[in-house]
Amino acid sequence: MSEKRKYKWQPTWKDYLIYSVLFIFCIGLIILCFLFFNNLKTIWLVLIGVTIILIAFFIFGGLSKSAFMKHAKTLNEKNWLDTKVVVDRGIYSVVRHPIYLSFMMYILGLIFISQHWLSLVFGIPIIVYMYQCMRDEEKNNIAKFGNNYKIYMKKVPRANFLLGIIRLLRTRK
């Protein structure tokens, strides 16, 4: 078997600039939720937003760490994401990037809670950036795991958890 390329990501000044702007957007989005809570006076949008955030936190956020802790063979115990194998069990059998998806869902939930047009201005760039991070991570994982990750990509969708659930149920029959 050929040796996989070792990849060590090093952030550049542009990365730090992007992180800073997106961090400010995220803080702004949280502030907007307080300032314009239920701005359109539609409580059902608030309930949708809270539901999305709870699903993001408990299902995609919580289950992703537990799947890694249980199934990954970590290279470094301090960094539970640094693994020697492709983790394809648990929530990772439904979506490839549950952590990024949970962040995207948090932002979407905050947009629903705020119901203000500025929350879209702050939230959409964060969601787009998270999606780009998924794509970048896939390139890194292909470099790290090779064909094993390509096979995993064919079986499990990037972020579409509904499709992931359908595929998972079909394979278990």
N, C-alpha and C. Protein backbone atom coordinates (compact mmCIF):
# COMPACT_ATOMS: atom_id res chain seq x y z
N MET A 1 0.84 -1.18 0.00
CA MET A 1 0.00 0.00 0.00
C MET A 1 0.89 1.24 0.00
N SER A 2 0.51 2.23 -0.79
CA SER A 2 1.32 3.44 -0.85
C SER A 2 1.11 4.28 0.40
N GLU A 3 2.16 4.98 0.77
CA GLU A 3 2.07 5.81 1.96
C GLU A 3 1.24 7.05 1.67
N LYS A 4 0.33 7.35 2.57
CA LYS A 4 -0.55 8.50 2.39
C LYS A 4 0.23 9.79 2.67
N ARG A 5 -0.14 10.83 1.97
CA ARG A 5 0.49 12.12 2.16
C ARG A 5 0.09 12.67 3.53
N LYS A 6 1.06 13.13 4.29
CA LYS A 6 0.77 13.73 5.59
C LYS A 6 0.40 15.18 5.34
N TYR A 7 -0.73 15.58 5.92
CA TYR A 7 -1.20 16.94 5.71
C TYR A 7 -1.29 17.65 7.04
N LYS A 8 -0.65 18.77 7.14
CA LYS A 8 -0.72 19.61 8.34
C LYS A 8 -1.17 20.97 7.88
N TRP A 9 -2.39 21.32 8.25
CA TRP A 9 -2.95 22.60 7.84
C TRP A 9 -2.33 23.72 8.63
N GLN A 10 -1.90 24.74 7.93
CA GLN A 10 -1.32 25.93 8.56
C GLN A 10 -2.13 27.15 8.12
N PRO A 11 -2.83 27.79 9.07
CA PRO A 11 -3.62 28.97 8.68
C PRO A 11 -2.74 30.13 8.24
N THR A 12 -3.24 30.86 7.27
CA THR A 12 -2.55 32.04 6.76
C THR A 12 -3.20 33.29 7.36
N TRP A 13 -2.66 34.45 7.07
CA TRP A 13 -3.24 35.69 7.57
C TRP A 13 -4.64 35.89 6.98
N LYS A 14 -4.86 35.41 5.74
CA LYS A 14 -6.19 35.51 5.13
C LYS A 14 -7.19 34.66 5.90
N ASP A 15 -6.76 33.47 6.34
CA ASP A 15 -7.64 32.62 7.15
C ASP A 15 -8.02 33.32 8.44
N TYR A 16 -7.04 33.92 9.10
CA TYR A 16 -7.33 34.64 10.35
C TYR A 16 -8.27 35.81 10.12
N LEU A 17 -8.11 36.49 8.99
CA LEU A 17 -9.01 37.60 8.66
C LEU A 17 -10.44 37.09 8.45
N ILE A 18 -10.58 36.01 7.68
CA ILE A 18 -11.90 35.41 7.46
C ILE A 18 -12.51 34.97 8.77
N TYR A 19 -11.73 34.30 9.63
CA TYR A 19 -12.25 33.85 10.93
C TYR A 19 -12.72 35.04 11.76
N SER A 20 -11.96 36.11 11.74
CA SER A 20 -12.33 37.29 12.53
C SER A 20 -13.65 37.88 12.06
N VAL A 21 -13.78 38.03 10.75
CA VAL A 21 -15.02 38.58 10.19
C VAL A 21 -16.21 37.67 10.50
N LEU A 22 -16.03 36.36 10.30
CA LEU A 22 -17.13 35.43 10.57
C LEU A 22 -17.46 35.35 12.05
N PHE A 23 -16.46 35.50 12.92
CA PHE A 23 -16.71 35.54 14.35
C PHE A 23 -17.55 36.76 14.71
N ILE A 24 -17.21 37.90 14.12
CA ILE A 24 -18.00 39.12 14.35
C ILE A 24 -19.42 38.93 13.83
N PHE A 25 -19.57 38.30 12.66
CA PHE A 25 -20.91 38.01 12.13
C PHE A 25 -21.69 37.12 13.09
N CYS A 26 -21.02 36.13 13.64
CA CYS A 26 -21.69 35.20 14.55
C CYS A 26 -22.14 35.92 15.82
N ILE A 27 -21.28 36.74 16.38
CA ILE A 27 -21.65 37.54 17.56
C ILE A 27 -22.78 38.49 17.20
N GLY A 28 -22.69 39.10 16.02
CA GLY A 28 -23.76 39.99 15.56
C GLY A 28 -25.09 39.26 15.43
N LEU A 29 -25.04 38.04 14.96
CA LEU A 29 -26.25 37.24 14.81
C LEU A 29 -26.88 36.94 16.17
N ILE A 30 -26.05 36.63 17.14
CA ILE A 30 -26.55 36.38 18.49
C ILE A 30 -27.17 37.65 19.08
N ILE A 31 -26.51 38.77 18.88
CA ILE A 31 -27.04 40.06 19.37
C ILE A 31 -28.37 40.37 18.69
N LEU A 32 -28.45 40.09 17.38
CA LEU A 32 -29.72 40.32 16.67
C LEU A 32 -30.85 39.48 17.25
N CYS A 33 -30.53 38.28 17.71
CA CYS A 33 -31.56 37.43 18.31
C CYS A 33 -32.12 38.07 19.57
N PHE A 34 -31.26 38.74 20.32
CA PHE A 34 -31.74 39.43 21.52
C PHE A 34 -32.49 40.71 21.17
N LEU A 35 -31.96 41.46 20.20
CA LEU A 35 -32.58 42.73 19.85
C LEU A 35 -33.90 42.56 19.08
N PHE A 36 -33.94 41.57 18.22
CA PHE A 36 -35.10 41.41 17.35
C PHE A 36 -35.78 40.06 17.53
N PHE A 37 -35.76 39.54 18.74
CA PHE A 37 -36.39 38.25 19.01
C PHE A 37 -37.83 38.26 18.49
N ASN A 38 -38.15 37.27 17.65
CA ASN A 38 -39.50 37.14 17.09
C ASN A 38 -39.96 38.44 16.42
N ASN A 39 -39.08 39.02 15.63
CA ASN A 39 -39.31 40.31 15.00
C ASN A 39 -40.60 40.35 14.17
N LEU A 40 -40.92 39.27 13.50
CA LEU A 40 -42.12 39.24 12.66
C LEU A 40 -43.36 38.77 13.43
N LYS A 41 -43.17 38.52 14.73
CA LYS A 41 -44.27 38.07 15.60
C LYS A 41 -44.89 36.76 15.12
N THR A 42 -44.04 35.86 14.63
CA THR A 42 -44.50 34.54 14.23
C THR A 42 -43.80 33.51 15.10
N ILE A 43 -44.50 33.09 16.14
CA ILE A 43 -43.92 32.20 17.13
C ILE A 43 -43.51 30.86 16.53
N TRP A 44 -44.19 30.43 15.47
CA TRP A 44 -43.85 29.14 14.87
C TRP A 44 -42.45 29.18 14.25
N LEU A 45 -42.00 30.36 13.78
CA LEU A 45 -40.62 30.46 13.28
C LEU A 45 -39.62 30.34 14.42
N VAL A 46 -39.96 30.89 15.58
CA VAL A 46 -39.10 30.76 16.76
C VAL A 46 -39.01 29.29 17.16
N LEU A 47 -40.15 28.60 17.16
CA LEU A 47 -40.15 27.18 17.52
C LEU A 47 -39.34 26.35 16.54
N ILE A 48 -39.43 26.67 15.26
CA ILE A 48 -38.61 25.97 14.25
C ILE A 48 -37.13 26.23 14.54
N GLY A 49 -36.78 27.48 14.82
CA GLY A 49 -35.39 27.83 15.11
C GLY A 49 -34.85 27.11 16.33
N VAL A 50 -35.63 27.07 17.40
CA VAL A 50 -35.20 26.38 18.62
C VAL A 50 -35.06 24.88 18.35
N THR A 51 -35.99 24.31 17.60
CA THR A 51 -35.92 22.89 17.26
C THR A 51 -34.67 22.58 16.45
N ILE A 52 -34.37 23.41 15.48
CA ILE A 52 -33.16 23.23 14.66
C ILE A 52 -31.91 23.27 15.54
N ILE A 53 -31.85 24.22 16.46
CA ILE A 53 -30.68 24.35 17.33
C ILE A 53 -30.55 23.13 18.25
N LEU A 54 -31.67 22.65 18.79
CA LEU A 54 -31.62 21.47 19.66
C LEU A 54 -31.17 20.22 18.89
N ILE A 55 -31.68 20.05 17.68
CA ILE A 55 -31.26 18.92 16.84
C ILE A 55 -29.76 19.03 16.53
N ALA A 56 -29.33 20.25 16.19
CA ALA A 56 -27.90 20.46 15.89
C ALA A 56 -27.04 20.12 17.09
N PHE A 57 -27.45 20.56 18.27
CA PHE A 57 -26.64 20.35 19.46
C PHE A 57 -26.62 18.88 19.89
N PHE A 58 -27.79 18.30 20.05
CA PHE A 58 -27.86 16.96 20.62
C PHE A 58 -27.55 15.85 19.61
N ILE A 59 -28.06 15.98 18.40
CA ILE A 59 -27.87 14.89 17.43
C ILE A 59 -26.56 15.04 16.68
N PHE A 60 -26.39 16.14 15.97
CA PHE A 60 -25.20 16.25 15.12
C PHE A 60 -23.95 16.62 15.91
N GLY A 61 -24.06 17.49 16.88
CA GLY A 61 -22.90 17.86 17.68
C GLY A 61 -22.50 16.77 18.65
N GLY A 62 -23.43 16.32 19.46
CA GLY A 62 -23.12 15.33 20.50
C GLY A 62 -22.77 13.97 19.96
N LEU A 63 -23.53 13.49 19.00
CA LEU A 63 -23.28 12.15 18.48
C LEU A 63 -21.99 12.06 17.67
N SER A 64 -21.56 13.18 17.09
CA SER A 64 -20.32 13.14 16.32
C SER A 64 -19.11 12.89 17.22
N LYS A 65 -19.07 13.56 18.35
CA LYS A 65 -17.93 13.33 19.25
C LYS A 65 -17.97 11.92 19.83
N SER A 66 -19.16 11.45 20.20
CA SER A 66 -19.23 10.10 20.78
C SER A 66 -18.85 9.04 19.74
N ALA A 67 -19.22 9.24 18.47
CA ALA A 67 -18.84 8.29 17.41
C ALA A 67 -17.33 8.28 17.24
N PHE A 68 -16.71 9.45 17.26
CA PHE A 68 -15.26 9.51 17.13
C PHE A 68 -14.57 8.86 18.32
N MET A 69 -15.07 9.15 19.51
CA MET A 69 -14.44 8.59 20.70
C MET A 69 -14.55 7.06 20.72
N LYS A 70 -15.62 6.54 20.17
CA LYS A 70 -15.86 5.10 20.19
C LYS A 70 -15.15 4.36 19.05
N HIS A 71 -15.14 4.94 17.85
CA HIS A 71 -14.71 4.19 16.66
C HIS A 71 -13.38 4.65 16.07
N ALA A 72 -12.90 5.81 16.44
CA ALA A 72 -11.66 6.31 15.84
C ALA A 72 -10.44 5.73 16.54
N LYS A 73 -9.42 5.56 15.78
CA LYS A 73 -8.12 5.20 16.34
C LYS A 73 -7.29 6.48 16.27
N THR A 74 -7.28 7.22 17.36
CA THR A 74 -6.66 8.53 17.35
C THR A 74 -5.14 8.44 17.37
N LEU A 75 -4.55 9.41 16.70
CA LEU A 75 -3.10 9.53 16.68
C LEU A 75 -2.61 10.30 17.90
N ASN A 76 -3.47 11.15 18.41
CA ASN A 76 -3.10 12.03 19.52
C ASN A 76 -4.31 12.11 20.44
N GLU A 77 -4.16 11.66 21.68
CA GLU A 77 -5.30 11.60 22.59
C GLU A 77 -5.86 12.97 22.93
N LYS A 78 -5.06 14.01 22.83
CA LYS A 78 -5.54 15.36 23.11
C LYS A 78 -6.44 15.88 21.99
N ASN A 79 -6.22 15.40 20.79
CA ASN A 79 -7.01 15.83 19.64
C ASN A 79 -7.83 14.65 19.15
N TRP A 80 -9.08 14.57 19.56
CA TRP A 80 -9.92 13.42 19.24
C TRP A 80 -10.29 13.35 17.76
N LEU A 81 -10.06 14.40 17.00
CA LEU A 81 -10.35 14.37 15.56
C LEU A 81 -9.18 13.85 14.73
N ASP A 82 -8.01 13.70 15.33
CA ASP A 82 -6.83 13.23 14.62
C ASP A 82 -6.84 11.69 14.62
N THR A 83 -7.35 11.12 13.56
CA THR A 83 -7.59 9.68 13.52
C THR A 83 -6.81 8.99 12.42
N LYS A 84 -6.60 7.69 12.60
CA LYS A 84 -5.90 6.87 11.61
C LYS A 84 -6.86 6.20 10.63
N VAL A 85 -8.14 6.18 10.95
CA VAL A 85 -9.13 5.46 10.13
C VAL A 85 -10.28 6.38 9.77
N VAL A 86 -10.98 6.02 8.71
CA VAL A 86 -12.20 6.73 8.34
C VAL A 86 -13.30 6.25 9.29
N VAL A 87 -13.87 7.18 10.02
CA VAL A 87 -14.97 6.84 10.92
C VAL A 87 -16.25 6.89 10.10
N ASP A 88 -16.90 5.72 9.97
CA ASP A 88 -18.10 5.63 9.15
C ASP A 88 -19.26 5.00 9.92
N ARG A 89 -19.21 5.07 11.22
CA ARG A 89 -20.26 4.51 12.06
C ARG A 89 -20.94 5.63 12.84
N GLY A 90 -22.06 5.27 13.45
CA GLY A 90 -22.81 6.27 14.21
C GLY A 90 -23.35 7.34 13.28
N ILE A 91 -23.28 8.57 13.72
CA ILE A 91 -23.81 9.69 12.92
C ILE A 91 -23.03 9.85 11.61
N TYR A 92 -21.79 9.34 11.59
CA TYR A 92 -20.98 9.41 10.37
C TYR A 92 -21.44 8.42 9.30
N SER A 93 -22.38 7.56 9.63
CA SER A 93 -22.99 6.71 8.61
C SER A 93 -24.19 7.40 7.97
N VAL A 94 -24.55 8.56 8.49
CA VAL A 94 -25.68 9.34 7.95
C VAL A 94 -25.18 10.54 7.15
N VAL A 95 -24.23 11.28 7.71
CA VAL A 95 -23.60 12.42 7.01
C VAL A 95 -22.10 12.40 7.26
N ARG A 96 -21.35 12.90 6.28
CA ARG A 96 -19.89 12.90 6.40
C ARG A 96 -19.37 13.98 7.33
N HIS A 97 -20.10 15.06 7.48
CA HIS A 97 -19.61 16.21 8.24
C HIS A 97 -20.64 16.70 9.26
N PRO A 98 -20.95 15.89 10.26
CA PRO A 98 -21.98 16.31 11.22
C PRO A 98 -21.59 17.52 12.07
N ILE A 99 -20.31 17.73 12.29
CA ILE A 99 -19.90 18.89 13.10
C ILE A 99 -20.13 20.18 12.32
N TYR A 100 -19.68 20.22 11.08
CA TYR A 100 -19.93 21.40 10.26
C TYR A 100 -21.44 21.60 10.07
N LEU A 101 -22.15 20.51 9.84
CA LEU A 101 -23.60 20.61 9.67
C LEU A 101 -24.25 21.18 10.93
N SER A 102 -23.77 20.79 12.11
CA SER A 102 -24.35 21.33 13.34
C SER A 102 -24.13 22.84 13.42
N PHE A 103 -22.94 23.33 13.04
CA PHE A 103 -22.69 24.77 13.04
C PHE A 103 -23.63 25.49 12.07
N MET A 104 -23.81 24.91 10.90
CA MET A 104 -24.71 25.51 9.91
C MET A 104 -26.14 25.56 10.45
N MET A 105 -26.54 24.50 11.15
CA MET A 105 -27.89 24.45 11.70
C MET A 105 -28.06 25.45 12.84
N TYR A 106 -27.02 25.65 13.67
CA TYR A 106 -27.09 26.68 14.71
C TYR A 106 -27.39 28.03 14.09
N ILE A 107 -26.65 28.36 13.04
CA ILE A 107 -26.81 29.66 12.39
C ILE A 107 -28.22 29.77 11.80
N LEU A 108 -28.68 28.73 11.13
CA LEU A 108 -30.04 28.75 10.57
C LEU A 108 -31.07 28.92 11.68
N GLY A 109 -30.89 28.23 12.79
CA GLY A 109 -31.81 28.38 13.92
C GLY A 109 -31.84 29.81 14.44
N LEU A 110 -30.67 30.44 14.54
CA LEU A 110 -30.61 31.84 14.99
C LEU A 110 -31.32 32.77 14.02
N ILE A 111 -31.20 32.50 12.74
CA ILE A 111 -31.90 33.31 11.73
C ILE A 111 -33.41 33.20 11.92
N PHE A 112 -33.89 31.99 12.15
CA PHE A 112 -35.33 31.80 12.38
C PHE A 112 -35.79 32.49 13.65
N ILE A 113 -34.97 32.47 14.68
CA ILE A 113 -35.36 33.10 15.95
C ILE A 113 -35.40 34.61 15.82
N SER A 114 -34.41 35.19 15.16
CA SER A 114 -34.34 36.64 15.01
C SER A 114 -35.43 37.18 14.09
N GLN A 115 -35.57 36.55 12.94
CA GLN A 115 -36.56 36.98 11.93
C GLN A 115 -36.30 38.41 11.44
N HIS A 116 -35.04 38.77 11.35
CA HIS A 116 -34.68 40.09 10.85
C HIS A 116 -33.79 39.92 9.62
N TRP A 117 -33.93 40.81 8.65
CA TRP A 117 -33.18 40.68 7.41
C TRP A 117 -31.67 40.75 7.64
N LEU A 118 -31.22 41.47 8.65
CA LEU A 118 -29.79 41.53 8.94
C LEU A 118 -29.24 40.18 9.37
N SER A 119 -30.08 39.35 9.97
CA SER A 119 -29.60 38.03 10.36
C SER A 119 -29.26 37.19 9.13
N LEU A 120 -29.94 37.42 8.04
CA LEU A 120 -29.57 36.75 6.78
C LEU A 120 -28.22 37.26 6.27
N VAL A 121 -28.01 38.57 6.38
CA VAL A 121 -26.75 39.18 5.94
C VAL A 121 -25.58 38.62 6.74
N PHE A 122 -25.77 38.40 8.04
CA PHE A 122 -24.72 37.85 8.89
C PHE A 122 -24.63 36.33 8.77
N GLY A 123 -25.75 35.67 8.62
CA GLY A 123 -25.77 34.22 8.68
C GLY A 123 -25.37 33.50 7.41
N ILE A 124 -25.80 34.00 6.28
CA ILE A 124 -25.53 33.30 5.01
C ILE A 124 -24.02 33.15 4.73
N PRO A 125 -23.20 34.19 4.94
CA PRO A 125 -21.76 33.98 4.72
C PRO A 125 -21.15 32.90 5.62
N ILE A 126 -21.65 32.79 6.84
CA ILE A 126 -21.15 31.76 7.75
C ILE A 126 -21.52 30.38 7.22
N ILE A 127 -22.75 30.22 6.78
CA ILE A 127 -23.21 28.93 6.24
C ILE A 127 -22.42 28.56 4.99
N VAL A 128 -22.22 29.52 4.11
CA VAL A 128 -21.45 29.28 2.88
C VAL A 128 -20.01 28.88 3.23
N TYR A 129 -19.42 29.55 4.19
CA TYR A 129 -18.05 29.22 4.60
C TYR A 129 -17.98 27.81 5.20
N MET A 130 -18.95 27.45 6.02
CA MET A 130 -18.96 26.10 6.60
C MET A 130 -19.06 25.03 5.50
N TYR A 131 -19.86 25.30 4.49
CA TYR A 131 -19.98 24.36 3.38
C TYR A 131 -18.65 24.24 2.64
N GLN A 132 -17.97 25.37 2.46
CA GLN A 132 -16.65 25.33 1.81
C GLN A 132 -15.66 24.56 2.67
N CYS A 133 -15.77 24.69 3.98
CA CYS A 133 -14.89 23.92 4.88
C CYS A 133 -15.10 22.42 4.70
N MET A 134 -16.36 22.02 4.50
CA MET A 134 -16.64 20.60 4.25
C MET A 134 -15.89 20.12 3.01
N ARG A 135 -15.98 20.91 1.95
CA ARG A 135 -15.31 20.53 0.70
C ARG A 135 -13.79 20.46 0.87
N ASP A 136 -13.24 21.44 1.57
CA ASP A 136 -11.79 21.45 1.81
C ASP A 136 -11.38 20.24 2.65
N GLU A 137 -12.17 19.92 3.66
CA GLU A 137 -11.84 18.78 4.50
C GLU A 137 -11.88 17.47 3.71
N GLU A 138 -12.79 17.39 2.75
CA GLU A 138 -12.85 16.18 1.92
C GLU A 138 -11.56 16.02 1.11
N LYS A 139 -11.05 17.10 0.57
CA LYS A 139 -9.77 17.03 -0.16
C LYS A 139 -8.66 16.55 0.77
N ASN A 140 -8.64 17.08 1.98
CA ASN A 140 -7.62 16.67 2.95
C ASN A 140 -7.79 15.20 3.33
N ASN A 141 -9.02 14.77 3.50
CA ASN A 141 -9.26 13.37 3.88
C ASN A 141 -8.93 12.40 2.76
N ILE A 142 -9.14 12.82 1.52
CA ILE A 142 -8.73 11.98 0.39
C ILE A 142 -7.21 11.85 0.39
N ALA A 143 -6.52 12.95 0.66
CA ALA A 143 -5.06 12.90 0.72
C ALA A 143 -4.59 12.02 1.87
N LYS A 144 -5.31 12.05 2.97
CA LYS A 144 -4.92 11.29 4.16
C LYS A 144 -5.30 9.81 4.07
N PHE A 145 -6.54 9.51 3.62
CA PHE A 145 -7.05 8.15 3.66
C PHE A 145 -7.15 7.47 2.30
N GLY A 146 -6.98 8.24 1.23
CA GLY A 146 -6.99 7.67 -0.11
C GLY A 146 -8.32 7.09 -0.53
N ASN A 147 -8.27 5.89 -1.11
CA ASN A 147 -9.44 5.25 -1.68
C ASN A 147 -10.51 4.93 -0.63
N ASN A 148 -10.11 4.66 0.60
CA ASN A 148 -11.09 4.39 1.65
C ASN A 148 -12.06 5.56 1.83
N TYR A 149 -11.51 6.77 1.75
CA TYR A 149 -12.39 7.93 1.91
C TYR A 149 -13.25 8.15 0.66
N LYS A 150 -12.72 7.86 -0.51
CA LYS A 150 -13.52 7.99 -1.73
C LYS A 150 -14.71 7.03 -1.71
N ILE A 151 -14.49 5.82 -1.23
CA ILE A 151 -15.59 4.84 -1.09
C ILE A 151 -16.62 5.36 -0.10
N TYR A 152 -16.15 5.89 1.02
CA TYR A 152 -17.03 6.46 2.04
C TYR A 152 -17.86 7.61 1.45
N MET A 153 -17.23 8.44 0.62
CA MET A 153 -17.94 9.57 0.00
C MET A 153 -19.08 9.09 -0.89
N LYS A 154 -18.90 7.94 -1.54
CA LYS A 154 -19.96 7.42 -2.40
C LYS A 154 -21.13 6.87 -1.60
N LYS A 155 -20.87 6.39 -0.39
CA LYS A 155 -21.91 5.78 0.44
C LYS A 155 -22.68 6.79 1.29
N VAL A 156 -22.01 7.85 1.74
CA VAL A 156 -22.60 8.76 2.72
C VAL A 156 -22.60 10.18 2.17
N PRO A 157 -23.76 10.87 2.19
CA PRO A 157 -23.81 12.23 1.67
C PRO A 157 -23.04 13.22 2.54
N ARG A 158 -22.63 14.31 1.92
CA ARG A 158 -21.85 15.34 2.61
C ARG A 158 -22.62 15.94 3.79
N ALA A 159 -23.83 16.43 3.55
CA ALA A 159 -24.57 17.11 4.62
C ALA A 159 -26.07 16.82 4.57
N ASN A 160 -26.55 16.14 3.56
CA ASN A 160 -27.98 15.87 3.41
C ASN A 160 -28.37 14.70 4.31
N PHE A 161 -28.79 15.02 5.53
CA PHE A 161 -29.07 13.96 6.49
C PHE A 161 -30.32 13.17 6.15
N LEU A 162 -31.28 13.76 5.43
CA LEU A 162 -32.46 13.00 5.02
C LEU A 162 -32.07 11.90 4.03
N LEU A 163 -31.26 12.25 3.05
CA LEU A 163 -30.75 11.26 2.10
C LEU A 163 -29.89 10.22 2.82
N GLY A 164 -29.11 10.67 3.78
CA GLY A 164 -28.27 9.76 4.55
C GLY A 164 -29.08 8.74 5.34
N ILE A 165 -30.19 9.17 5.92
CA ILE A 165 -31.06 8.26 6.67
C ILE A 165 -31.70 7.25 5.72
N ILE A 166 -32.15 7.72 4.56
CA ILE A 166 -32.76 6.82 3.56
C ILE A 166 -31.74 5.79 3.11
N ARG A 167 -30.52 6.22 2.79
CA ARG A 167 -29.48 5.28 2.35
C ARG A 167 -29.15 4.27 3.46
N LEU A 168 -29.08 4.76 4.68
CA LEU A 168 -28.76 3.88 5.80
C LEU A 168 -29.84 2.83 6.00
N LEU A 169 -31.09 3.25 5.91
CA LEU A 169 -32.20 2.29 6.07
C LEU A 169 -32.21 1.27 4.94
N ARG A 170 -31.90 1.70 3.71
CA ARG A 170 -31.86 0.76 2.59
C ARG A 170 -30.77 -0.28 2.74
N THR A 171 -29.61 0.13 3.25
CA THR A 171 -28.50 -0.82 3.39
C THR A 171 -28.72 -1.80 4.53
N ARG A 172 -29.54 -1.44 5.50
CA ARG A 172 -29.79 -2.32 6.63
C ARG A 172 -30.87 -3.35 6.35
N LYS A 173 -31.61 -3.16 5.26
CA LYS A 173 -32.68 -4.14 4.92
C LYS A 173 -32.10 -5.36 4.28
